[in-house]
Amino acid sequence: MSGDGKFQLQNSNMGMHPHSYYQKDEYEQEFQKIWEELRKAHLAKNTIKHIENTDLFKYSPYKSLSSDQYRIVDAIVQKLVDYQEHGKGQTMLVNGGAGTGKTVLAIYLMKLLAEAGTGIIENDIEMDPGYQYIAENLRKLKKMKIAFVVPMQSLRTTVKRVFREVRSLNVSMVLSPTQVPRDTYDLLIVDEAHRLRQRKALAQYPSFDNNNSIFGLGKEGTELDWILGSSKNHVLFYDSMQTVKPSDIDMERFTDLQKQIGNKNIYELKSQFRCQGGEDYIQYVKSILSDDPPKEKKSFSGTYDFMLCDDPDVLIEEIQEKDTMYGLCRVVAGYAWPWKSKENPGEMDITIGSKSFQWNTVNKDWVNSDNAINEIGCIHTIQGYDLNYAGVIFGNEIKYDKKKKCIVVDKREYHDLQGKTALKDMKELKEYITNIYATLMTRGIRGTYVYVCDPNLREYMKQYIPLAKS
């Protein structure tokens, strides 16, 4: 009902436990019919297909949480109660791979904690017996000054739209890292913390240096330092495999932080929510792109639509067809073509197969923009988003060396200018580029289609990905 937007929700609704009740599948099918009856009665306006593709539905704090998500909520609430009673702040790190529900859990926590100490949540706790194990600690919590930090501009715009539609949340709570030093907080929740920046390969250095000076930091200061210095408590949602730019803070910084805070403040998200191929598919993709590839081809037939296209026209036509069927299907690519249309809006950026395309013409929330299906998105507009189907184009910056029998990268074909300037180490560049493609290949809920420009890499991929029928 919240995702539909016909009515404004009055009850807080703490979310429901994912009970596997008797004949659950049959009831869920019946609900499709019930929803259509509600639409006929003008008590709902959008189809379920439409609602399930909206940001408010995908990032809704009214969602069911998994058992490991509930355990993390319980642990964080306990830590915050300890802080209010004893005055000792905590840094908590939530590790989770692609599709493990980091953003959903982060927004859920924001809503829960925004309502703590206001009297809003008590009735909902009483109504849901599953919450009794955290009810006592929730009642102890007093109202805190909290904010939600999102490093990526595109995702930040989307999160603001979600906050605008949820009672007790406000767009002013959503911050960029550069806004953090303007105030002090009881708690900062940071989504996609692996995208926090260091002073490297930046478009603008003066504003970064100004924020460092606020905290008395030299040029080694990072956006993570600003967050640690602006709040008593911090919850950082992190995935080391999604570090995709030289400006992203080095993984070693988070490794050191984990040593400092200790295992009791580190939590793991493992359940796979996005990808119907599950964790097996995620690990398989990472393995294909590694120096230790799979020993044999895996089949995901019946659970996940995974295929390699010999012709880029086939990939694009398949994604456009799937977009007509399901909506929210997009073609994305590595940064292997210059972005000519930034300076000349009428110019095409990518010619592949029989067609030409522009890179995404919208930076903020490109996934949901009107012309997205006719453009090709880059990593910076897709990271953090779900798609129904993703068409992934591997550019000529990534190849396969038959003599060395491994994946290699070609810096000449990599067109992220800041990345090229900052990275001298080819091993490091390879890590960034393979992370980009692993991230692109884990955006699709129902399936991923792949086209590879380099013929040798395409032959290598055929060992592991089923070939599309011509």
Protein backbone atom coordinates (compact mmCIF):
# COMPACT_ATOMS: atom_id res chain seq x y z
CA MET A 1 0.00 0.00 0.00
CA SER A 2 2.88 2.33 0.78
CA GLY A 3 4.55 1.60 -2.57
CA ASP A 4 1.27 2.17 -4.43
CA GLY A 5 0.98 5.71 -3.06
CA LYS A 6 -2.83 5.89 -3.24
CA PHE A 7 -3.04 6.48 0.51
CA GLN A 8 -0.68 7.74 3.17
CA LEU A 9 0.16 5.05 5.71
CA GLN A 10 -0.92 5.98 9.24
CA ASN A 11 0.38 2.96 11.15
CA SER A 12 4.13 2.68 11.73
CA ASN A 13 4.33 -0.99 10.63
CA MET A 14 7.62 -2.34 11.94
CA GLY A 15 7.82 -4.94 9.19
CA MET A 16 6.89 -8.60 9.43
CA HIS A 17 8.91 -11.71 10.06
CA PRO A 18 9.41 -13.90 6.96
CA HIS A 19 7.22 -16.75 8.23
CA SER A 20 7.04 -19.78 5.95
CA TYR A 21 3.40 -20.51 6.71
CA TYR A 22 1.30 -23.34 5.30
CA GLN A 23 0.42 -22.94 1.59
CA LYS A 24 2.26 -19.60 1.46
CA ASP A 25 2.83 -19.83 -2.33
CA GLU A 26 -0.89 -20.33 -2.97
CA TYR A 27 -1.83 -17.37 -0.80
CA GLU A 28 0.69 -15.17 -2.60
CA GLN A 29 -0.87 -16.11 -5.96
CA GLU A 30 -4.30 -15.33 -4.54
CA PHE A 31 -3.06 -11.92 -3.44
CA GLN A 32 -2.52 -10.97 -7.11
CA LYS A 33 -6.27 -11.41 -7.65
CA ILE A 34 -7.15 -9.54 -4.45
CA TRP A 35 -4.98 -6.62 -5.50
CA GLU A 36 -6.76 -6.34 -8.86
CA GLU A 37 -10.08 -6.27 -7.00
CA LEU A 38 -8.73 -3.40 -4.86
CA ARG A 39 -7.82 -1.54 -8.05
CA LYS A 40 -11.33 -2.04 -9.46
CA ALA A 41 -12.71 -0.62 -6.21
CA HIS A 42 -10.37 2.40 -6.54
CA LEU A 43 -8.58 1.45 -3.31
CA ALA A 44 -5.31 0.96 -5.18
CA LYS A 45 -4.07 2.54 -8.41
CA ASN A 46 -0.96 0.74 -9.73
CA THR A 47 -0.35 -2.83 -10.84
CA ILE A 48 1.86 -5.04 -8.69
CA LYS A 49 4.39 -5.16 -11.55
CA HIS A 50 4.62 -1.36 -11.49
CA ILE A 51 4.89 -1.18 -7.70
CA GLU A 52 7.60 -3.83 -7.50
CA ASN A 53 9.73 -1.76 -9.90
CA THR A 54 9.46 1.44 -7.82
CA ASP A 55 12.23 2.67 -5.53
CA LEU A 56 9.82 3.03 -2.62
CA PHE A 57 8.93 -0.66 -2.86
CA LYS A 58 12.54 -1.83 -3.37
CA TYR A 59 13.94 0.25 -0.50
CA SER A 60 10.84 0.16 1.69
CA PRO A 61 11.43 0.07 5.46
CA TYR A 62 8.17 -1.92 5.71
CA LYS A 63 9.84 -4.98 4.15
CA SER A 64 10.29 -8.37 5.77
CA LEU A 65 13.79 -8.80 7.16
CA SER A 66 15.82 -12.01 7.18
CA SER A 67 16.90 -13.63 10.44
CA ASP A 68 20.46 -12.28 10.10
CA GLN A 69 19.08 -8.78 9.44
CA TYR A 70 16.93 -9.00 12.59
CA ARG A 71 19.95 -10.10 14.63
CA ILE A 72 21.92 -7.11 13.38
CA VAL A 73 19.04 -4.73 14.25
CA ASP A 74 18.89 -6.21 17.75
CA ALA A 75 22.66 -5.90 18.26
CA ILE A 76 22.81 -2.29 17.02
CA VAL A 77 19.86 -1.23 19.19
CA GLN A 78 21.57 -2.79 22.23
CA LYS A 79 24.81 -0.92 21.44
CA LEU A 80 22.91 2.38 21.20
CA VAL A 81 21.17 1.76 24.53
CA ASP A 82 24.61 1.16 26.09
CA TYR A 83 25.79 4.45 24.57
CA GLN A 84 22.87 6.38 26.08
CA GLU A 85 23.34 4.76 29.48
CA HIS A 86 27.15 4.88 29.67
CA GLY A 87 28.19 7.54 27.13
CA LYS A 88 30.62 5.37 25.15
CA GLY A 89 30.18 5.62 21.37
CA GLN A 90 30.51 2.66 19.02
CA THR A 91 31.63 2.05 15.44
CA MET A 92 29.80 -0.88 13.85
CA LEU A 93 30.61 -2.41 10.46
CA VAL A 94 28.05 -4.42 8.47
CA ASN A 95 29.74 -6.48 5.74
CA GLY A 96 27.52 -7.62 2.88
CA GLY A 97 27.99 -8.54 -0.76
CA ALA A 98 25.87 -7.41 -3.70
CA GLY A 99 22.16 -8.06 -3.19
CA THR A 100 22.31 -8.88 0.54
CA GLY A 101 19.95 -6.04 1.46
CA LYS A 102 22.39 -3.47 2.85
CA THR A 103 20.40 -0.43 1.70
CA VAL A 104 17.04 -1.88 2.81
CA LEU A 105 18.45 -2.65 6.26
CA ALA A 106 20.10 0.78 6.51
CA ILE A 107 16.82 2.58 5.69
CA TYR A 108 14.91 0.25 8.04
CA LEU A 109 17.30 1.21 10.85
CA MET A 110 16.85 4.91 10.07
CA LYS A 111 13.07 4.64 10.37
CA LEU A 112 13.24 2.51 13.52
CA LEU A 113 15.67 4.87 15.28
CA ALA A 114 13.92 8.04 14.06
CA GLU A 115 10.77 6.79 15.82
CA ALA A 116 12.55 5.58 18.98
CA GLY A 117 11.69 7.74 21.96
CA THR A 118 8.73 9.37 20.19
CA GLY A 119 5.98 6.98 21.34
CA ILE A 120 5.15 6.01 17.75
CA ILE A 121 6.51 2.49 17.81
CA GLU A 122 5.06 1.10 21.06
CA ASN A 123 1.70 0.02 19.62
CA ASP A 124 3.36 -1.73 16.69
CA ILE A 125 5.68 -3.64 19.01
CA GLU A 126 2.69 -4.86 21.04
CA MET A 127 0.96 -6.01 17.83
CA ASP A 128 3.91 -8.07 16.60
CA PRO A 129 5.00 -10.77 19.08
CA GLY A 130 8.12 -11.36 17.00
CA TYR A 131 9.45 -8.02 18.19
CA GLN A 132 9.31 -8.79 21.88
CA TYR A 133 13.00 -9.73 21.92
CA ILE A 134 13.99 -6.16 20.97
CA ALA A 135 10.96 -4.33 22.43
CA GLU A 136 12.55 -3.72 25.81
CA ASN A 137 15.66 -2.09 24.33
CA LEU A 138 13.59 0.00 21.91
CA ARG A 139 11.63 1.43 24.83
CA LYS A 140 14.87 2.44 26.53
CA LEU A 141 16.11 4.41 23.54
CA LYS A 142 15.77 8.17 23.69
CA LYS A 143 15.47 10.35 20.61
CA MET A 144 18.84 10.86 18.91
CA LYS A 145 20.21 13.17 16.27
CA ILE A 146 20.79 10.85 13.32
CA ALA A 147 21.56 11.15 9.60
CA PHE A 148 21.94 8.84 6.61
CA VAL A 149 25.08 9.28 4.50
CA VAL A 150 25.08 8.13 0.86
CA PRO A 151 28.35 8.73 -1.08
CA MET A 152 26.92 8.24 -4.61
CA GLN A 153 24.90 11.15 -6.00
CA SER A 154 22.54 9.00 -8.06
CA LEU A 155 21.58 6.68 -5.21
CA ARG A 156 21.36 9.63 -2.82
CA THR A 157 18.70 11.22 -5.05
CA THR A 158 16.72 7.96 -5.02
CA VAL A 159 16.98 7.59 -1.23
CA LYS A 160 15.72 11.15 -0.75
CA ARG A 161 12.63 10.30 -2.77
CA VAL A 162 12.00 7.28 -0.54
CA PHE A 163 12.49 9.32 2.64
CA ARG A 164 9.98 11.88 1.35
CA GLU A 165 7.28 9.18 1.29
CA VAL A 166 7.94 7.58 4.70
CA ARG A 167 6.48 9.03 7.86
CA SER A 168 9.11 10.01 10.46
CA LEU A 169 11.82 10.30 7.79
CA ASN A 170 12.82 13.55 6.10
CA VAL A 171 14.98 14.37 3.07
CA SER A 172 17.13 16.63 5.30
CA MET A 173 18.36 13.44 7.01
CA VAL A 174 20.06 12.28 3.77
CA LEU A 175 23.56 13.71 3.42
CA SER A 176 26.54 13.56 1.10
CA PRO A 177 29.87 12.93 2.88
CA THR A 178 30.91 16.55 2.17
CA GLN A 179 27.90 17.82 4.19
CA VAL A 180 28.75 15.76 7.28
CA PRO A 181 31.31 18.15 8.87
CA ARG A 182 28.72 20.95 9.10
CA ASP A 183 27.16 19.45 12.26
CA THR A 184 27.60 16.81 14.98
CA TYR A 185 25.44 13.71 15.46
CA ASP A 186 24.62 10.94 17.89
CA LEU A 187 24.60 8.46 15.00
CA LEU A 188 25.57 8.40 11.34
CA ILE A 189 24.45 5.46 9.20
CA VAL A 190 26.58 5.17 6.04
CA ASP A 191 25.35 3.19 3.06
CA GLU A 192 27.84 1.96 0.43
CA ALA A 193 30.75 2.97 2.70
CA HIS A 194 33.19 1.41 0.22
CA ARG A 195 32.45 4.43 -2.00
CA LEU A 196 33.70 6.96 0.56
CA ARG A 197 36.59 8.90 -0.98
CA GLN A 198 40.22 9.56 -0.25
CA ARG A 199 42.26 12.45 -1.65
CA LYS A 200 43.05 10.75 -4.94
CA ALA A 201 41.74 11.15 -8.52
CA LEU A 202 39.23 13.84 -7.49
CA ALA A 203 37.57 16.41 -9.74
CA GLN A 204 37.96 19.12 -7.07
CA TYR A 205 40.60 19.18 -4.35
CA PRO A 206 40.00 22.56 -2.56
CA SER A 207 36.63 21.61 -1.00
CA PHE A 208 38.09 18.25 0.09
CA ASP A 209 41.05 20.03 1.70
CA ASN A 210 38.71 22.49 3.46
CA ASN A 211 36.84 19.65 5.15
CA ASN A 212 40.13 18.04 6.17
CA SER A 213 41.20 21.32 7.77
CA ILE A 214 38.01 21.39 9.91
CA PHE A 215 39.25 18.27 11.67
CA GLY A 216 42.91 19.29 11.68
CA LEU A 217 43.70 16.56 9.16
CA GLY A 218 46.40 16.82 6.54
CA LYS A 219 46.08 15.67 2.97
CA GLU A 220 45.83 12.06 4.16
CA GLY A 221 42.37 12.69 5.67
CA THR A 222 39.40 10.87 4.11
CA GLU A 223 35.60 11.10 4.09
CA LEU A 224 35.62 8.21 6.56
CA ASP A 225 37.66 10.38 8.95
CA TRP A 226 35.04 13.14 8.67
CA ILE A 227 32.28 10.69 9.58
CA LEU A 228 34.21 9.29 12.54
CA GLY A 229 34.92 12.83 13.72
CA SER A 230 31.34 14.14 13.36
CA SER A 231 29.40 11.52 15.30
CA LYS A 232 29.55 9.52 18.52
CA ASN A 233 28.24 6.35 16.85
CA HIS A 234 28.61 5.01 13.32
CA VAL A 235 27.06 2.13 11.37
CA LEU A 236 28.98 1.48 8.15
CA PHE A 237 27.55 -0.79 5.43
CA TYR A 238 30.46 -2.11 3.40
CA ASP A 239 31.42 -4.44 0.52
CA SER A 240 35.11 -4.58 -0.43
CA MET A 241 34.24 -6.15 -3.82
CA GLN A 242 32.43 -2.99 -4.95
CA THR A 243 35.43 -0.65 -4.76
CA VAL A 244 35.46 0.59 -8.36
CA LYS A 245 37.39 3.89 -8.46
CA PRO A 246 40.88 5.04 -7.38
CA SER A 247 39.19 7.73 -5.28
CA ASP A 248 37.47 5.03 -3.20
CA ILE A 249 39.16 4.53 0.18
CA ASP A 250 41.72 1.73 0.11
CA MET A 251 40.51 -1.61 1.43
CA GLU A 252 43.38 -1.62 3.93
CA ARG A 253 41.79 1.37 5.73
CA PHE A 254 38.69 -0.70 6.46
CA THR A 255 40.83 -3.71 7.40
CA ASP A 256 42.60 -1.54 10.00
CA LEU A 257 39.25 -0.22 11.23
CA GLN A 258 37.96 -3.77 11.71
CA LYS A 259 41.00 -4.58 13.86
CA GLN A 260 40.34 -1.47 15.95
CA ILE A 261 36.65 -2.11 16.62
CA GLY A 262 36.93 -5.89 17.17
CA ASN A 263 34.75 -8.81 16.07
CA LYS A 264 31.89 -7.91 18.44
CA ASN A 265 31.16 -4.82 16.34
CA ILE A 266 31.40 -6.54 12.95
CA TYR A 267 28.28 -8.13 11.44
CA GLU A 268 27.77 -10.22 8.29
CA LEU A 269 24.86 -10.16 5.82
CA LYS A 270 24.70 -13.39 3.83
CA SER A 271 21.12 -13.91 2.62
CA GLN A 272 20.72 -13.08 -1.09
CA PHE A 273 17.72 -10.84 -1.84
CA ARG A 274 18.42 -9.41 -5.28
CA CYS A 275 19.63 -12.20 -7.48
CA GLN A 276 17.43 -15.24 -8.07
CA GLY A 277 20.62 -17.15 -8.89
CA GLY A 278 21.52 -16.81 -5.23
CA GLU A 279 24.93 -16.67 -3.62
CA ASP A 280 26.11 -19.48 -5.94
CA TYR A 281 25.72 -17.17 -8.96
CA ILE A 282 27.45 -14.26 -7.19
CA GLN A 283 30.47 -16.39 -6.30
CA TYR A 284 30.53 -17.98 -9.77
CA VAL A 285 30.74 -14.57 -11.47
CA LYS A 286 33.54 -13.46 -9.16
CA SER A 287 35.38 -16.70 -9.88
CA ILE A 288 35.07 -16.27 -13.68
CA LEU A 289 36.70 -12.84 -13.39
CA SER A 290 39.47 -14.02 -11.05
CA ASP A 291 42.87 -15.63 -11.66
CA ASP A 292 41.42 -18.85 -10.26
CA PRO A 293 38.47 -19.58 -12.60
CA PRO A 294 35.86 -22.31 -12.04
CA LYS A 295 36.89 -25.90 -12.73
CA GLU A 296 33.66 -26.52 -14.66
CA LYS A 297 30.64 -24.72 -16.10
CA LYS A 298 27.72 -24.24 -13.71
CA SER A 299 24.11 -24.29 -14.82
CA PHE A 300 21.52 -21.91 -13.38
CA SER A 301 18.76 -23.13 -15.70
CA GLY A 302 15.33 -22.75 -14.14
CA THR A 303 16.52 -20.32 -11.46
CA TYR A 304 18.46 -17.59 -13.28
CA ASP A 305 18.59 -16.45 -16.92
CA PHE A 306 22.34 -16.22 -17.60
CA MET A 307 23.68 -16.22 -21.16
CA LEU A 308 26.46 -15.00 -23.45
CA CYS A 309 25.59 -13.31 -26.75
CA ASP A 310 27.88 -13.59 -29.79
CA ASP A 311 26.20 -10.54 -31.35
CA PRO A 312 25.72 -7.23 -29.46
CA ASP A 313 22.51 -6.58 -31.44
CA VAL A 314 21.05 -9.76 -29.93
CA LEU A 315 21.89 -8.60 -26.39
CA ILE A 316 20.31 -5.18 -26.92
CA GLU A 317 17.17 -6.62 -28.55
CA GLU A 318 16.78 -9.18 -25.74
CA ILE A 319 17.05 -6.50 -23.04
CA GLN A 320 14.57 -4.24 -24.83
CA GLU A 321 12.15 -7.16 -25.16
CA LYS A 322 12.54 -8.02 -21.48
CA ASP A 323 11.95 -4.36 -20.59
CA THR A 324 8.62 -4.51 -22.39
CA MET A 325 7.70 -7.62 -20.40
CA TYR A 326 9.01 -6.74 -16.92
CA GLY A 327 10.18 -3.12 -16.97
CA LEU A 328 13.44 -1.97 -15.36
CA CYS A 329 15.82 -3.74 -17.77
CA ARG A 330 18.93 -1.83 -18.83
CA VAL A 331 22.15 -2.16 -20.86
CA VAL A 332 25.33 -1.19 -18.99
CA ALA A 333 29.02 -1.27 -19.90
CA GLY A 334 32.55 -0.79 -18.65
CA TYR A 335 34.19 2.58 -19.19
CA ALA A 336 35.76 1.57 -22.52
CA TRP A 337 34.46 4.44 -24.71
CA PRO A 338 35.15 8.19 -24.44
CA TRP A 339 32.21 10.26 -23.18
CA LYS A 340 31.96 12.56 -26.22
CA SER A 341 28.33 13.56 -25.59
CA LYS A 342 29.28 15.39 -22.37
CA GLU A 343 30.78 18.16 -24.50
CA ASN A 344 28.64 17.60 -27.62
CA PRO A 345 25.12 16.47 -26.61
CA GLY A 346 24.21 15.40 -30.13
CA GLU A 347 27.18 13.08 -30.56
CA MET A 348 27.06 9.31 -30.11
CA ASP A 349 29.50 7.69 -27.67
CA ILE A 350 29.31 3.98 -28.36
CA THR A 351 28.97 2.26 -31.72
CA ILE A 352 28.58 -1.47 -31.30
CA GLY A 353 27.02 -3.97 -33.69
CA SER A 354 24.71 -2.12 -36.05
CA LYS A 355 23.69 0.56 -33.54
CA SER A 356 25.07 3.67 -31.85
CA PHE A 357 24.31 4.89 -28.33
CA GLN A 358 25.02 7.66 -25.88
CA TRP A 359 26.24 7.10 -22.37
CA ASN A 360 23.58 7.82 -19.75
CA THR A 361 22.39 11.38 -20.32
CA VAL A 362 21.07 11.58 -16.73
CA ASN A 363 23.42 11.25 -13.73
CA LYS A 364 20.79 11.26 -11.00
CA ASP A 365 18.53 8.20 -10.93
CA TRP A 366 19.32 7.23 -14.55
CA VAL A 367 17.79 3.76 -14.03
CA ASN A 368 14.31 5.31 -13.75
CA SER A 369 14.75 8.03 -16.38
CA ASP A 370 12.49 8.08 -19.45
CA ASN A 371 15.08 7.30 -22.14
CA ALA A 372 17.29 4.90 -20.16
CA ILE A 373 16.33 1.85 -22.24
CA ASN A 374 17.82 3.59 -25.33
CA GLU A 375 21.11 4.50 -23.62
CA ILE A 376 24.00 2.64 -22.01
CA GLY A 377 24.65 3.14 -18.32
CA CYS A 378 28.04 3.28 -16.59
CA ILE A 379 29.05 1.87 -13.21
CA HIS A 380 28.49 5.20 -11.45
CA THR A 381 24.79 5.32 -12.35
CA ILE A 382 23.98 1.66 -11.65
CA GLN A 383 25.82 0.83 -8.42
CA GLY A 384 23.37 0.26 -5.58
CA TYR A 385 20.38 -0.31 -7.92
CA ASP A 386 18.35 -3.40 -8.79
CA LEU A 387 17.34 -4.31 -12.34
CA ASN A 388 15.05 -7.08 -13.53
CA TYR A 389 17.49 -7.91 -16.36
CA ALA A 390 20.96 -6.48 -16.95
CA GLY A 391 22.69 -6.49 -20.34
CA VAL A 392 26.42 -6.16 -19.64
CA ILE A 393 28.87 -5.14 -22.38
CA PHE A 394 32.53 -5.94 -21.73
CA GLY A 395 34.60 -3.29 -23.54
CA ASN A 396 38.07 -3.55 -25.03
CA GLU A 397 39.77 -2.45 -21.80
CA ILE A 398 39.43 -6.04 -20.56
CA LYS A 399 40.87 -8.93 -22.58
CA TYR A 400 42.11 -12.49 -22.31
CA ASP A 401 45.79 -13.39 -22.80
CA LYS A 402 45.95 -16.90 -24.28
CA LYS A 403 49.66 -17.31 -23.56
CA LYS A 404 49.39 -16.28 -19.91
CA LYS A 405 45.97 -17.95 -19.64
CA CYS A 406 44.49 -15.11 -17.63
CA ILE A 407 42.36 -11.97 -17.89
CA VAL A 408 44.37 -8.79 -18.54
CA VAL A 409 43.49 -5.10 -18.87
CA ASP A 410 44.48 -2.57 -21.52
CA LYS A 411 44.97 0.87 -19.98
CA ARG A 412 44.84 2.52 -23.42
CA GLU A 413 41.22 1.39 -23.80
CA TYR A 414 40.15 2.52 -20.30
CA HIS A 415 38.54 5.97 -20.58
CA ASP A 416 37.93 7.00 -16.97
CA LEU A 417 40.43 9.86 -17.15
CA GLN A 418 40.77 10.33 -13.39
CA GLY A 419 41.34 6.61 -12.96
CA LYS A 420 43.98 6.48 -15.69
CA THR A 421 45.85 9.42 -14.22
CA ALA A 422 45.83 8.15 -10.67
CA LEU A 423 46.64 4.48 -11.28
CA LYS A 424 50.15 3.49 -12.29
CA ASP A 425 50.02 -0.07 -10.93
CA MET A 426 48.49 -2.40 -13.54
CA LYS A 427 47.59 -4.97 -10.88
CA GLU A 428 45.55 -2.33 -9.06
CA LEU A 429 43.89 -1.20 -12.31
CA LYS A 430 42.93 -4.80 -13.09
CA GLU A 431 41.35 -5.14 -9.65
CA TYR A 432 39.22 -2.00 -10.18
CA ILE A 433 38.09 -3.06 -13.66
CA THR A 434 37.19 -6.65 -12.66
CA ASN A 435 35.32 -5.26 -9.62
CA ILE A 436 33.36 -3.00 -11.98
CA TYR A 437 32.28 -5.95 -14.14
CA ALA A 438 31.47 -8.13 -11.12
CA THR A 439 29.25 -5.30 -9.85
CA LEU A 440 27.54 -4.86 -13.24
CA MET A 441 26.89 -8.62 -13.49
CA THR A 442 25.18 -8.73 -10.09
CA ARG A 443 22.54 -6.04 -10.77
CA GLY A 444 19.95 -8.32 -12.40
CA ILE A 445 17.22 -9.95 -10.33
CA ARG A 446 15.93 -12.34 -13.00
CA GLY A 447 18.87 -12.56 -15.37
CA THR A 448 22.08 -11.21 -16.89
CA TYR A 449 23.02 -11.21 -20.58
CA VAL A 450 26.64 -10.63 -21.57
CA TYR A 451 28.44 -9.47 -24.72
CA VAL A 452 32.26 -9.35 -24.84
CA CYS A 453 34.15 -7.19 -27.36
CA ASP A 454 37.51 -8.97 -27.14
CA PRO A 455 37.31 -12.22 -29.18
CA ASN A 456 39.74 -14.09 -26.91
CA LEU A 457 37.84 -13.11 -23.77
CA ARG A 458 34.58 -14.10 -25.47
CA GLU A 459 35.99 -17.57 -26.17
CA TYR A 460 37.13 -17.81 -22.55
CA MET A 461 33.65 -16.82 -21.32
CA LYS A 462 32.03 -19.52 -23.48
CA GLN A 463 33.57 -22.09 -21.16
CA TYR A 464 31.45 -20.76 -18.28
CA ILE A 465 28.36 -18.99 -19.68
CA PRO A 466 25.69 -20.65 -21.87
CA LEU A 467 25.62 -19.27 -25.39
CA ALA A 468 22.43 -17.54 -26.55
CA LYS A 469 20.60 -19.22 -29.39
CA SER A 470 21.05 -17.29 -32.64
